Amino acid sequence: GGGENIADVLEVGLRPEDFYRDAHKEIFTAIAELYNRDDSIDSLTL
């Protein structure tokens, strides 16, 4: 989705520590950092 839907996800209250798998925690953290930097989100930027 290119980060267009991450605002809805954050509104739910999702946090990195809610993920079971450590790799997933790390990937979500990186996505959130891109979002906070107002960068595009895709496989390359991630």
All heavy atoms as atom14 arrays in JSON, in Angstrom:
{
  "sequence": "GGGENIADVLEVGLRPEDFYRDAHKEIFTAIAELYNRDDSIDSLTL",
  "atom14_mask": [
    [1, 1, 1, 1, 0, 0, 0, 0, 0, 0, 0, 0, 0, 0],
    [1, 1, 1, 1, 0, 0, 0, 0, 0, 0, 0, 0, 0, 0],
    [1, 1, 1, 1, 0, 0, 0, 0, 0, 0, 0, 0, 0, 0],
    [1, 1, 1, 1, 1, 1, 1, 1, 1, 0, 0, 0, 0, 0],
    [1, 1, 1, 1, 1, 1, 1, 1, 0, 0, 0, 0, 0, 0],
    [1, 1, 1, 1, 1, 1, 1, 1, 0, 0, 0, 0, 0, 0],
    [1, 1, 1, 1, 1, 0, 0, 0, 0, 0, 0, 0, 0, 0],
    [1, 1, 1, 1, 1, 1, 1, 1, 0, 0, 0, 0, 0, 0],
    [1, 1, 1, 1, 1, 1, 1, 0, 0, 0, 0, 0, 0, 0],
    [1, 1, 1, 1, 1, 1, 1, 1, 0, 0, 0, 0, 0, 0],
    [1, 1, 1, 1, 1, 1, 1, 1, 1, 0, 0, 0, 0, 0],
    [1, 1, 1, 1, 1, 1, 1, 0, 0, 0, 0, 0, 0, 0],
    [1, 1, 1, 1, 0, 0, 0, 0, 0, 0, 0, 0, 0, 0],
    [1, 1, 1, 1, 1, 1, 1, 1, 0, 0, 0, 0, 0, 0],
    [1, 1, 1, 1, 1, 1, 1, 1, 1, 1, 1, 0, 0, 0],
    [1, 1, 1, 1, 1, 1, 1, 0, 0, 0, 0, 0, 0, 0],
    [1, 1, 1, 1, 1, 1, 1, 1, 1, 0, 0, 0, 0, 0],
    [1, 1, 1, 1, 1, 1, 1, 1, 0, 0, 0, 0, 0, 0],
    [1, 1, 1, 1, 1, 1, 1, 1, 1, 1, 1, 0, 0, 0],
    [1, 1, 1, 1, 1, 1, 1, 1, 1, 1, 1, 1, 0, 0],
    [1, 1, 1, 1, 1, 1, 1, 1, 1, 1, 1, 0, 0, 0],
    [1, 1, 1, 1, 1, 1, 1, 1, 0, 0, 0, 0, 0, 0],
    [1, 1, 1, 1, 1, 0, 0, 0, 0, 0, 0, 0, 0, 0],
    [1, 1, 1, 1, 1, 1, 1, 1, 1, 1, 0, 0, 0, 0],
    [1, 1, 1, 1, 1, 1, 1, 1, 1, 0, 0, 0, 0, 0],
    [1, 1, 1, 1, 1, 1, 1, 1, 1, 0, 0, 0, 0, 0],
    [1, 1, 1, 1, 1, 1, 1, 1, 0, 0, 0, 0, 0, 0],
    [1, 1, 1, 1, 1, 1, 1, 1, 1, 1, 1, 0, 0, 0],
    [1, 1, 1, 1, 1, 1, 1, 0, 0, 0, 0, 0, 0, 0],
    [1, 1, 1, 1, 1, 0, 0, 0, 0, 0, 0, 0, 0, 0],
    [1, 1, 1, 1, 1, 1, 1, 1, 0, 0, 0, 0, 0, 0],
    [1, 1, 1, 1, 1, 0, 0, 0, 0, 0, 0, 0, 0, 0],
    [1, 1, 1, 1, 1, 1, 1, 1, 1, 0, 0, 0, 0, 0],
    [1, 1, 1, 1, 1, 1, 1, 1, 0, 0, 0, 0, 0, 0],
    [1, 1, 1, 1, 1, 1, 1, 1, 1, 1, 1, 1, 0, 0],
    [1, 1, 1, 1, 1, 1, 1, 1, 0, 0, 0, 0, 0, 0],
    [1, 1, 1, 1, 1, 1, 1, 1, 1, 1, 1, 0, 0, 0],
    [1, 1, 1, 1, 1, 1, 1, 1, 0, 0, 0, 0, 0, 0],
    [1, 1, 1, 1, 1, 1, 1, 1, 0, 0, 0, 0, 0, 0],
    [1, 1, 1, 1, 1, 1, 0, 0, 0, 0, 0, 0, 0, 0],
    [1, 1, 1, 1, 1, 1, 1, 1, 0, 0, 0, 0, 0, 0],
    [1, 1, 1, 1, 1, 1, 1, 1, 0, 0, 0, 0, 0, 0],
    [1, 1, 1, 1, 1, 1, 0, 0, 0, 0, 0, 0, 0, 0],
    [1, 1, 1, 1, 1, 1, 1, 1, 0, 0, 0, 0, 0, 0],
    [1, 1, 1, 1, 1, 1, 1, 0, 0, 0, 0, 0, 0, 0],
    [1, 1, 1, 1, 1, 1, 1, 1, 0, 0, 0, 0, 0, 0]
  ],
  "atom14_positions": [
    [[0.79, -1.23, 0.0], [0.0, 0.0, 0.0], [0.81, 1.26, 0.0], [0.25, 2.37, 0.01], [0.0, 0.0, 0.0], [0.0, 0.0, 0.0], [0.0, 0.0, 0.0], [0.0, 0.0, 0.0], [0.0, 0.0, 0.0], [0.0, 0.0, 0.0], [0.0, 0.0, 0.0], [0.0, 0.0, 0.0], [0.0, 0.0, 0.0], [0.0, 0.0, 0.0]],
    [[2.13, 1.14, 0.02], [2.98, 2.33, -0.04], [2.87, 3.24, 1.17], [3.2, 4.42, 1.1], [0.0, 0.0, 0.0], [0.0, 0.0, 0.0], [0.0, 0.0, 0.0], [0.0, 0.0, 0.0], [0.0, 0.0, 0.0], [0.0, 0.0, 0.0], [0.0, 0.0, 0.0], [0.0, 0.0, 0.0], [0.0, 0.0, 0.0], [0.0, 0.0, 0.0]],
    [[2.4, 2.7, 2.29], [2.3, 3.5, 3.51], [1.05, 4.35, 3.58], [0.83, 5.05, 4.58], [0.0, 0.0, 0.0], [0.0, 0.0, 0.0], [0.0, 0.0, 0.0], [0.0, 0.0, 0.0], [0.0, 0.0, 0.0], [0.0, 0.0, 0.0], [0.0, 0.0, 0.0], [0.0, 0.0, 0.0], [0.0, 0.0, 0.0], [0.0, 0.0, 0.0]],
    [[0.18, 4.31, 2.56], [-1.02, 5.12, 2.56], [-2.0, 4.7, 3.66], [-2.84, 5.48, 4.09], [-1.72, 5.03, 1.2], [-0.95, 5.68, 0.07], [-0.81, 7.19, 0.25], [-1.76, 7.79, 0.79], [0.23, 7.74, -0.13], [0.0, 0.0, 0.0], [0.0, 0.0, 0.0], [0.0, 0.0, 0.0], [0.0, 0.0, 0.0], [0.0, 0.0, 0.0]],
    [[-1.89, 3.46, 4.11], [-2.81, 2.94, 5.12], [-2.19, 2.83, 6.51], [-2.83, 2.32, 7.42], [-3.35, 1.57, 4.69], [-2.23, 0.64, 4.23], [-1.05, 0.99, 4.33], [-2.59, -0.52, 3.71], [0.0, 0.0, 0.0], [0.0, 0.0, 0.0], [0.0, 0.0, 0.0], [0.0, 0.0, 0.0], [0.0, 0.0, 0.0], [0.0, 0.0, 0.0]],
    [[-0.97, 3.3, 6.68], [-0.32, 3.12, 7.98], [-0.95, 4.0, 9.06], [-0.95, 3.64, 10.25], [1.2, 3.38, 7.89], [1.89, 2.91, 9.19], [1.48, 4.85, 7.63], [3.38, 2.93, 9.13], [0.0, 0.0, 0.0], [0.0, 0.0, 0.0], [0.0, 0.0, 0.0], [0.0, 0.0, 0.0], [0.0, 0.0, 0.0], [0.0, 0.0, 0.0]],
    [[-1.53, 5.14, 8.66], [-2.18, 6.0, 9.66], [-3.33, 5.25, 10.33], [-3.53, 5.35, 11.55], [-2.67, 7.28, 9.01], [0.0, 0.0, 0.0], [0.0, 0.0, 0.0], [0.0, 0.0, 0.0], [0.0, 0.0, 0.0], [0.0, 0.0, 0.0], [0.0, 0.0, 0.0], [0.0, 0.0, 0.0], [0.0, 0.0, 0.0], [0.0, 0.0, 0.0]],
    [[-4.1, 4.49, 9.53], [-5.2, 3.71, 10.1], [-4.67, 2.65, 11.06], [-5.29, 2.37, 12.09], [-6.0, 3.04, 8.98], [-6.68, 4.04, 8.07], [-6.95, 5.16, 8.55], [-6.92, 3.71, 6.9], [0.0, 0.0, 0.0], [0.0, 0.0, 0.0], [0.0, 0.0, 0.0], [0.0, 0.0, 0.0], [0.0, 0.0, 0.0], [0.0, 0.0, 0.0]],
    [[-3.53, 2.08, 10.71], [-2.93, 1.03, 11.56], [-2.45, 1.62, 12.88], [-2.67, 1.05, 13.96], [-1.77, 0.36, 10.81], [-0.95, -0.52, 11.75], [-2.32, -0.48, 9.65], [0.0, 0.0, 0.0], [0.0, 0.0, 0.0], [0.0, 0.0, 0.0], [0.0, 0.0, 0.0], [0.0, 0.0, 0.0], [0.0, 0.0, 0.0], [0.0, 0.0, 0.0]],
    [[-1.81, 2.76, 12.81], [-1.32, 3.39, 14.03], [-2.47, 3.85, 14.92], [-2.36, 3.85, 16.14], [-0.42, 4.58, 13.68], [0.89, 4.24, 12.95], [1.61, 5.52, 12.54], [1.79, 3.37, 13.82], [0.0, 0.0, 0.0], [0.0, 0.0, 0.0], [0.0, 0.0, 0.0], [0.0, 0.0, 0.0], [0.0, 0.0, 0.0], [0.0, 0.0, 0.0]],
    [[-3.58, 4.23, 14.31], [-4.75, 4.66, 15.07], [-5.29, 3.52, 15.93], [-5.85, 3.75, 17.01], [-5.82, 5.18, 14.12], [-7.09, 5.66, 14.78], [-6.89, 6.91, 15.63], [-5.86, 7.59, 15.47], [-7.77, 7.21, 16.45], [0.0, 0.0, 0.0], [0.0, 0.0, 0.0], [0.0, 0.0, 0.0], [0.0, 0.0, 0.0], [0.0, 0.0, 0.0]],
    [[-5.14, 2.29, 15.46], [-5.58, 1.13, 16.23], [-4.77, 0.98, 17.51], [-5.23, 0.38, 18.49], [-5.48, -0.14, 15.36], [-5.73, -1.41, 16.16], [-6.48, -0.06, 14.21], [0.0, 0.0, 0.0], [0.0, 0.0, 0.0], [0.0, 0.0, 0.0], [0.0, 0.0, 0.0], [0.0, 0.0, 0.0], [0.0, 0.0, 0.0], [0.0, 0.0, 0.0]],
    [[-3.57, 1.56, 17.53], [-2.71, 1.45, 18.7], [-1.62, 0.42, 18.56], [-1.0, 0.02, 19.55], [0.0, 0.0, 0.0], [0.0, 0.0, 0.0], [0.0, 0.0, 0.0], [0.0, 0.0, 0.0], [0.0, 0.0, 0.0], [0.0, 0.0, 0.0], [0.0, 0.0, 0.0], [0.0, 0.0, 0.0], [0.0, 0.0, 0.0], [0.0, 0.0, 0.0]],
    [[-1.37, -0.03, 17.33], [-0.35, -1.05, 17.09], [1.04, -0.5, 17.39], [1.39, 0.61, 16.98], [-0.43, -1.53, 15.64], [0.54, -2.63, 15.22], [0.22, -3.93, 15.94], [0.52, -2.83, 13.71], [0.0, 0.0, 0.0], [0.0, 0.0, 0.0], [0.0, 0.0, 0.0], [0.0, 0.0, 0.0], [0.0, 0.0, 0.0], [0.0, 0.0, 0.0]],
    [[1.84, -1.3, 18.07], [3.22, -0.94, 18.4], [4.15, -2.08, 17.99], [3.7, -3.23, 17.87], [3.37, -0.67, 19.89], [2.44, 0.4, 20.44], [2.4, 0.35, 21.95], [1.99, -0.98, 22.41], [2.07, -1.39, 23.67], [2.54, -0.58, 24.6], [1.68, -2.6, 24.01], [0.0, 0.0, 0.0], [0.0, 0.0, 0.0], [0.0, 0.0, 0.0]],
    [[5.43, -1.81, 17.79], [6.34, -2.89, 17.39], [6.32, -4.09, 18.35], [6.39, -5.24, 17.92], [7.72, -2.2, 17.39], [7.41, -0.77, 17.11], [6.1, -0.5, 17.8], [0.0, 0.0, 0.0], [0.0, 0.0, 0.0], [0.0, 0.0, 0.0], [0.0, 0.0, 0.0], [0.0, 0.0, 0.0], [0.0, 0.0, 0.0], [0.0, 0.0, 0.0]],
    [[6.2, -3.83, 19.65], [6.24, -4.93, 20.62], [5.0, -5.82, 20.56], [4.96, -6.88, 21.21], [6.44, -4.4, 22.04], [5.44, -3.34, 22.46], [5.96, -1.94, 22.25], [6.66, -1.7, 21.24], [5.65, -1.08, 23.08], [0.0, 0.0, 0.0], [0.0, 0.0, 0.0], [0.0, 0.0, 0.0], [0.0, 0.0, 0.0], [0.0, 0.0, 0.0]],
    [[3.98, -5.42, 19.79], [2.8, -6.27, 19.65], [3.04, -7.43, 18.69], [2.25, -8.37, 18.66], [1.61, -5.44, 19.15], [1.09, -4.47, 20.19], [1.17, -4.8, 21.4], [0.63, -3.39, 19.82], [0.0, 0.0, 0.0], [0.0, 0.0, 0.0], [0.0, 0.0, 0.0], [0.0, 0.0, 0.0], [0.0, 0.0, 0.0], [0.0, 0.0, 0.0]],
    [[4.11, -7.37, 17.9], [4.4, -8.46, 16.97], [5.07, -9.62, 17.69], [5.91, -9.44, 18.58], [5.31, -7.97, 15.84], [4.61, -7.07, 14.85], [4.5, -5.71, 15.08], [4.04, -7.59, 13.7], [3.85, -4.88, 14.18], [3.38, -6.78, 12.8], [3.29, -5.42, 13.03], [0.0, 0.0, 0.0], [0.0, 0.0, 0.0], [0.0, 0.0, 0.0]],
    [[4.68, -10.82, 17.3], [5.24, -12.02, 17.93], [6.66, -12.29, 17.48], [7.52, -12.66, 18.26], [4.35, -13.22, 17.61], [4.89, -14.53, 18.16], [4.85, -14.79, 19.53], [5.44, -15.48, 17.31], [5.34, -15.97, 20.03], [5.94, -16.67, 17.82], [5.89, -16.91, 19.18], [6.39, -18.08, 19.67], [0.0, 0.0, 0.0], [0.0, 0.0, 0.0]],
    [[6.91, -12.09, 16.2], [8.21, -12.43, 15.63], [9.12, -11.21, 15.65], [8.75, -10.1, 15.27], [8.01, -12.9, 14.19], [9.23, -13.53, 13.57], [8.87, -14.08, 12.21], [9.91, -14.95, 11.71], [9.81, -15.65, 10.58], [8.69, -15.57, 9.88], [10.8, -16.42, 10.17], [0.0, 0.0, 0.0], [0.0, 0.0, 0.0], [0.0, 0.0, 0.0]],
    [[10.36, -11.42, 16.1], [11.31, -10.31, 16.21], [11.56, -9.65, 14.86], [11.71, -8.43, 14.76], [12.62, -10.8, 16.8], [12.53, -11.01, 18.3], [11.54, -10.57, 18.91], [13.45, -11.64, 18.86], [0.0, 0.0, 0.0], [0.0, 0.0, 0.0], [0.0, 0.0, 0.0], [0.0, 0.0, 0.0], [0.0, 0.0, 0.0], [0.0, 0.0, 0.0]],
    [[11.62, -10.45, 13.78], [11.84, -9.89, 12.45], [10.69, -8.96, 12.07], [10.9, -7.91, 11.46], [11.99, -11.0, 11.42], [0.0, 0.0, 0.0], [0.0, 0.0, 0.0], [0.0, 0.0, 0.0], [0.0, 0.0, 0.0], [0.0, 0.0, 0.0], [0.0, 0.0, 0.0], [0.0, 0.0, 0.0], [0.0, 0.0, 0.0], [0.0, 0.0, 0.0]],
    [[9.48, -9.35, 12.44], [8.32, -8.53, 12.12], [8.33, -7.24, 12.93], [7.9, -6.18, 12.44], [7.04, -9.32, 12.37], [6.89, -10.49, 11.44], [5.95, -11.48, 11.64], [7.57, -10.82, 10.29], [6.05, -12.37, 10.66], [7.02, -11.99, 9.85], [0.0, 0.0, 0.0], [0.0, 0.0, 0.0], [0.0, 0.0, 0.0], [0.0, 0.0, 0.0]],
    [[8.79, -7.31, 14.15], [8.92, -6.1, 14.96], [9.87, -5.11, 14.28], [9.6, -3.91, 14.19], [9.47, -6.42, 16.35], [8.57, -7.3, 17.21], [9.26, -7.59, 18.53], [8.44, -8.57, 19.36], [9.09, -8.91, 20.64], [0.0, 0.0, 0.0], [0.0, 0.0, 0.0], [0.0, 0.0, 0.0], [0.0, 0.0, 0.0], [0.0, 0.0, 0.0]],
    [[10.98, -5.65, 13.8], [11.99, -4.8, 13.17], [11.47, -4.2, 11.87], [11.69, -3.02, 11.59], [13.25, -5.63, 12.9], [14.38, -4.88, 12.23], [14.87, -3.7, 13.04], [14.84, -3.77, 14.28], [15.29, -2.7, 12.42], [0.0, 0.0, 0.0], [0.0, 0.0, 0.0], [0.0, 0.0, 0.0], [0.0, 0.0, 0.0], [0.0, 0.0, 0.0]],
    [[10.77, -4.98, 11.08], [10.25, -4.48, 9.81], [9.2, -3.39, 10.05], [9.19, -2.35, 9.39], [9.65, -5.64, 8.98], [10.78, -6.58, 8.54], [8.89, -5.12, 7.77], [10.29, -7.88, 7.93], [0.0, 0.0, 0.0], [0.0, 0.0, 0.0], [0.0, 0.0, 0.0], [0.0, 0.0, 0.0], [0.0, 0.0, 0.0], [0.0, 0.0, 0.0]],
    [[8.32, -3.62, 11.01], [7.3, -2.6, 11.3], [7.95, -1.34, 11.83], [7.52, -0.21, 11.51], [6.29, -3.14, 12.31], [5.21, -2.14, 12.66], [4.2, -1.86, 11.76], [5.22, -1.46, 13.87], [3.2, -0.94, 12.06], [4.25, -0.54, 14.18], [3.23, -0.28, 13.27], [0.0, 0.0, 0.0], [0.0, 0.0, 0.0], [0.0, 0.0, 0.0]],
    [[8.98, -1.46, 12.66], [9.69, -0.29, 13.17], [10.27, 0.52, 12.02], [10.19, 1.76, 11.99], [10.79, -0.71, 14.14], [10.22, -1.4, 15.25], [11.56, 0.51, 14.65], [0.0, 0.0, 0.0], [0.0, 0.0, 0.0], [0.0, 0.0, 0.0], [0.0, 0.0, 0.0], [0.0, 0.0, 0.0], [0.0, 0.0, 0.0], [0.0, 0.0, 0.0]],
    [[10.87, -0.17, 11.04], [11.46, 0.51, 9.88], [10.37, 1.21, 9.06], [10.56, 2.33, 8.58], [12.23, -0.48, 9.02], [0.0, 0.0, 0.0], [0.0, 0.0, 0.0], [0.0, 0.0, 0.0], [0.0, 0.0, 0.0], [0.0, 0.0, 0.0], [0.0, 0.0, 0.0], [0.0, 0.0, 0.0], [0.0, 0.0, 0.0], [0.0, 0.0, 0.0]],
    [[9.22, 0.55, 8.9], [8.11, 1.17, 8.18], [7.64, 2.44, 8.89], [7.4, 3.48, 8.27], [6.94, 0.17, 8.03], [7.33, -0.97, 7.08], [5.68, 0.86, 7.53], [6.3, -2.08, 6.99], [0.0, 0.0, 0.0], [0.0, 0.0, 0.0], [0.0, 0.0, 0.0], [0.0, 0.0, 0.0], [0.0, 0.0, 0.0], [0.0, 0.0, 0.0]],
    [[7.52, 2.36, 10.21], [7.08, 3.51, 10.98], [8.08, 4.66, 10.89], [7.7, 5.84, 10.82], [6.88, 3.11, 12.44], [0.0, 0.0, 0.0], [0.0, 0.0, 0.0], [0.0, 0.0, 0.0], [0.0, 0.0, 0.0], [0.0, 0.0, 0.0], [0.0, 0.0, 0.0], [0.0, 0.0, 0.0], [0.0, 0.0, 0.0], [0.0, 0.0, 0.0]],
    [[9.38, 4.33, 10.87], [10.39, 5.38, 10.74], [10.29, 6.07, 9.38], [10.42, 7.3, 9.28], [11.78, 4.78, 10.93], [12.07, 4.38, 12.37], [13.47, 3.81, 12.54], [14.15, 3.61, 11.5], [13.88, 3.57, 13.69], [0.0, 0.0, 0.0], [0.0, 0.0, 0.0], [0.0, 0.0, 0.0], [0.0, 0.0, 0.0], [0.0, 0.0, 0.0]],
    [[10.06, 5.29, 8.32], [9.88, 5.89, 7.0], [8.66, 6.8, 6.99], [8.68, 7.9, 6.4], [9.73, 4.79, 5.95], [10.99, 3.98, 5.62], [10.63, 2.8, 4.72], [12.04, 4.85, 4.95], [0.0, 0.0, 0.0], [0.0, 0.0, 0.0], [0.0, 0.0, 0.0], [0.0, 0.0, 0.0], [0.0, 0.0, 0.0], [0.0, 0.0, 0.0]],
    [[7.62, 6.36, 7.63], [6.38, 7.16, 7.69], [6.63, 8.47, 8.44], [6.19, 9.55, 8.01], [5.29, 6.35, 8.36], [3.99, 7.11, 8.57], [3.13, 7.37, 7.51], [3.64, 7.58, 9.84], [1.95, 8.07, 7.69], [2.45, 8.28, 10.04], [1.62, 8.53, 8.95], [0.45, 9.22, 9.14], [0.0, 0.0, 0.0], [0.0, 0.0, 0.0]],
    [[7.33, 8.4, 9.57], [7.61, 9.6, 10.35], [8.52, 10.58, 9.6], [8.45, 11.79, 9.83], [8.25, 9.22, 11.68], [7.28, 8.54, 12.62], [6.08, 8.77, 12.55], [7.79, 7.7, 13.51], [0.0, 0.0, 0.0], [0.0, 0.0, 0.0], [0.0, 0.0, 0.0], [0.0, 0.0, 0.0], [0.0, 0.0, 0.0], [0.0, 0.0, 0.0]],
    [[9.37, 10.04, 8.72], [10.25, 10.89, 7.92], [9.56, 11.41, 6.67], [10.15, 12.15, 5.88], [11.5, 10.09, 7.5], [12.44, 9.75, 8.65], [13.46, 8.71, 8.19], [14.46, 8.47, 9.2], [15.65, 9.08, 9.25], [15.96, 9.97, 8.32], [16.51, 8.81, 10.2], [0.0, 0.0, 0.0], [0.0, 0.0, 0.0], [0.0, 0.0, 0.0]],
    [[8.32, 11.0, 6.47], [7.55, 11.38, 5.29], [8.2, 10.86, 4.01], [8.1, 11.49, 2.94], [7.38, 12.91, 5.22], [6.18, 13.32, 4.37], [5.26, 12.49, 4.22], [6.17, 14.44, 3.85], [0.0, 0.0, 0.0], [0.0, 0.0, 0.0], [0.0, 0.0, 0.0], [0.0, 0.0, 0.0], [0.0, 0.0, 0.0], [0.0, 0.0, 0.0]],
    [[8.87, 9.69, 4.12], [9.46, 9.04, 2.96], [8.45, 8.07, 2.35], [7.52, 7.61, 3.02], [10.72, 8.25, 3.36], [11.86, 9.17, 3.74], [11.83, 10.35, 3.34], [12.77, 8.71, 4.46], [0.0, 0.0, 0.0], [0.0, 0.0, 0.0], [0.0, 0.0, 0.0], [0.0, 0.0, 0.0], [0.0, 0.0, 0.0], [0.0, 0.0, 0.0]],
    [[8.64, 7.75, 1.09], [7.8, 6.74, 0.45], [8.11, 5.38, 1.06], [9.22, 5.13, 1.54], [8.03, 6.73, -1.06], [9.4, 6.42, -1.32], [0.0, 0.0, 0.0], [0.0, 0.0, 0.0], [0.0, 0.0, 0.0], [0.0, 0.0, 0.0], [0.0, 0.0, 0.0], [0.0, 0.0, 0.0], [0.0, 0.0, 0.0], [0.0, 0.0, 0.0]],
    [[7.12, 4.51, 1.02], [7.29, 3.17, 1.59], [7.08, 2.14, 0.5], [5.98, 2.01, -0.06], [6.3, 2.94, 2.74], [6.54, 3.94, 3.88], [6.41, 1.5, 3.28], [5.53, 3.87, 4.99], [0.0, 0.0, 0.0], [0.0, 0.0, 0.0], [0.0, 0.0, 0.0], [0.0, 0.0, 0.0], [0.0, 0.0, 0.0], [0.0, 0.0, 0.0]],
    [[8.15, 1.43, 0.17], [8.1, 0.32, -0.77], [9.25, -0.62, -0.45], [10.0, -0.39, 0.51], [8.15, 0.81, -2.23], [9.34, 1.73, -2.49], [10.46, 1.4, -2.02], [9.17, 2.78, -3.13], [0.0, 0.0, 0.0], [0.0, 0.0, 0.0], [0.0, 0.0, 0.0], [0.0, 0.0, 0.0], [0.0, 0.0, 0.0], [0.0, 0.0, 0.0]],
    [[9.39, -1.66, -1.21], [10.42, -2.65, -0.9], [11.81, -2.06, -0.97], [12.7, -2.45, -0.19], [10.3, -3.84, -1.86], [10.41, -3.41, -3.2], [0.0, 0.0, 0.0], [0.0, 0.0, 0.0], [0.0, 0.0, 0.0], [0.0, 0.0, 0.0], [0.0, 0.0, 0.0], [0.0, 0.0, 0.0], [0.0, 0.0, 0.0], [0.0, 0.0, 0.0]],
    [[12.05, -1.1, -1.87], [13.38, -0.52, -2.01], [13.71, 0.39, -0.82], [14.8, 0.28, -0.22], [13.48, 0.27, -3.32], [13.44, -0.57, -4.61], [13.49, 0.34, -5.83], [14.61, -1.55, -4.63], [0.0, 0.0, 0.0], [0.0, 0.0, 0.0], [0.0, 0.0, 0.0], [0.0, 0.0, 0.0], [0.0, 0.0, 0.0], [0.0, 0.0, 0.0]],
    [[12.81, 1.32, -0.5], [13.08, 2.23, 0.62], [13.12, 1.47, 1.94], [13.91, 1.81, 2.83], [12.01, 3.33, 0.7], [10.71, 2.72, 0.81], [12.04, 4.21, -0.54], [0.0, 0.0, 0.0], [0.0, 0.0, 0.0], [0.0, 0.0, 0.0], [0.0, 0.0, 0.0], [0.0, 0.0, 0.0], [0.0, 0.0, 0.0], [0.0, 0.0, 0.0]],
    [[12.29, 0.44, 2.06], [12.3, -0.36, 3.28], [13.61, -1.13, 3.41], [14.2, -1.21, 4.5], [11.11, -1.32, 3.29], [10.96, -2.21, 4.51], [10.86, -1.39, 5.78], [9.73, -3.11, 4.37], [0.0, 0.0, 0.0], [0.0, 0.0, 0.0], [0.0, 0.0, 0.0], [0.0, 0.0, 0.0], [0.0, 0.0, 0.0], [0.0, 0.0, 0.0]]
  ]
}
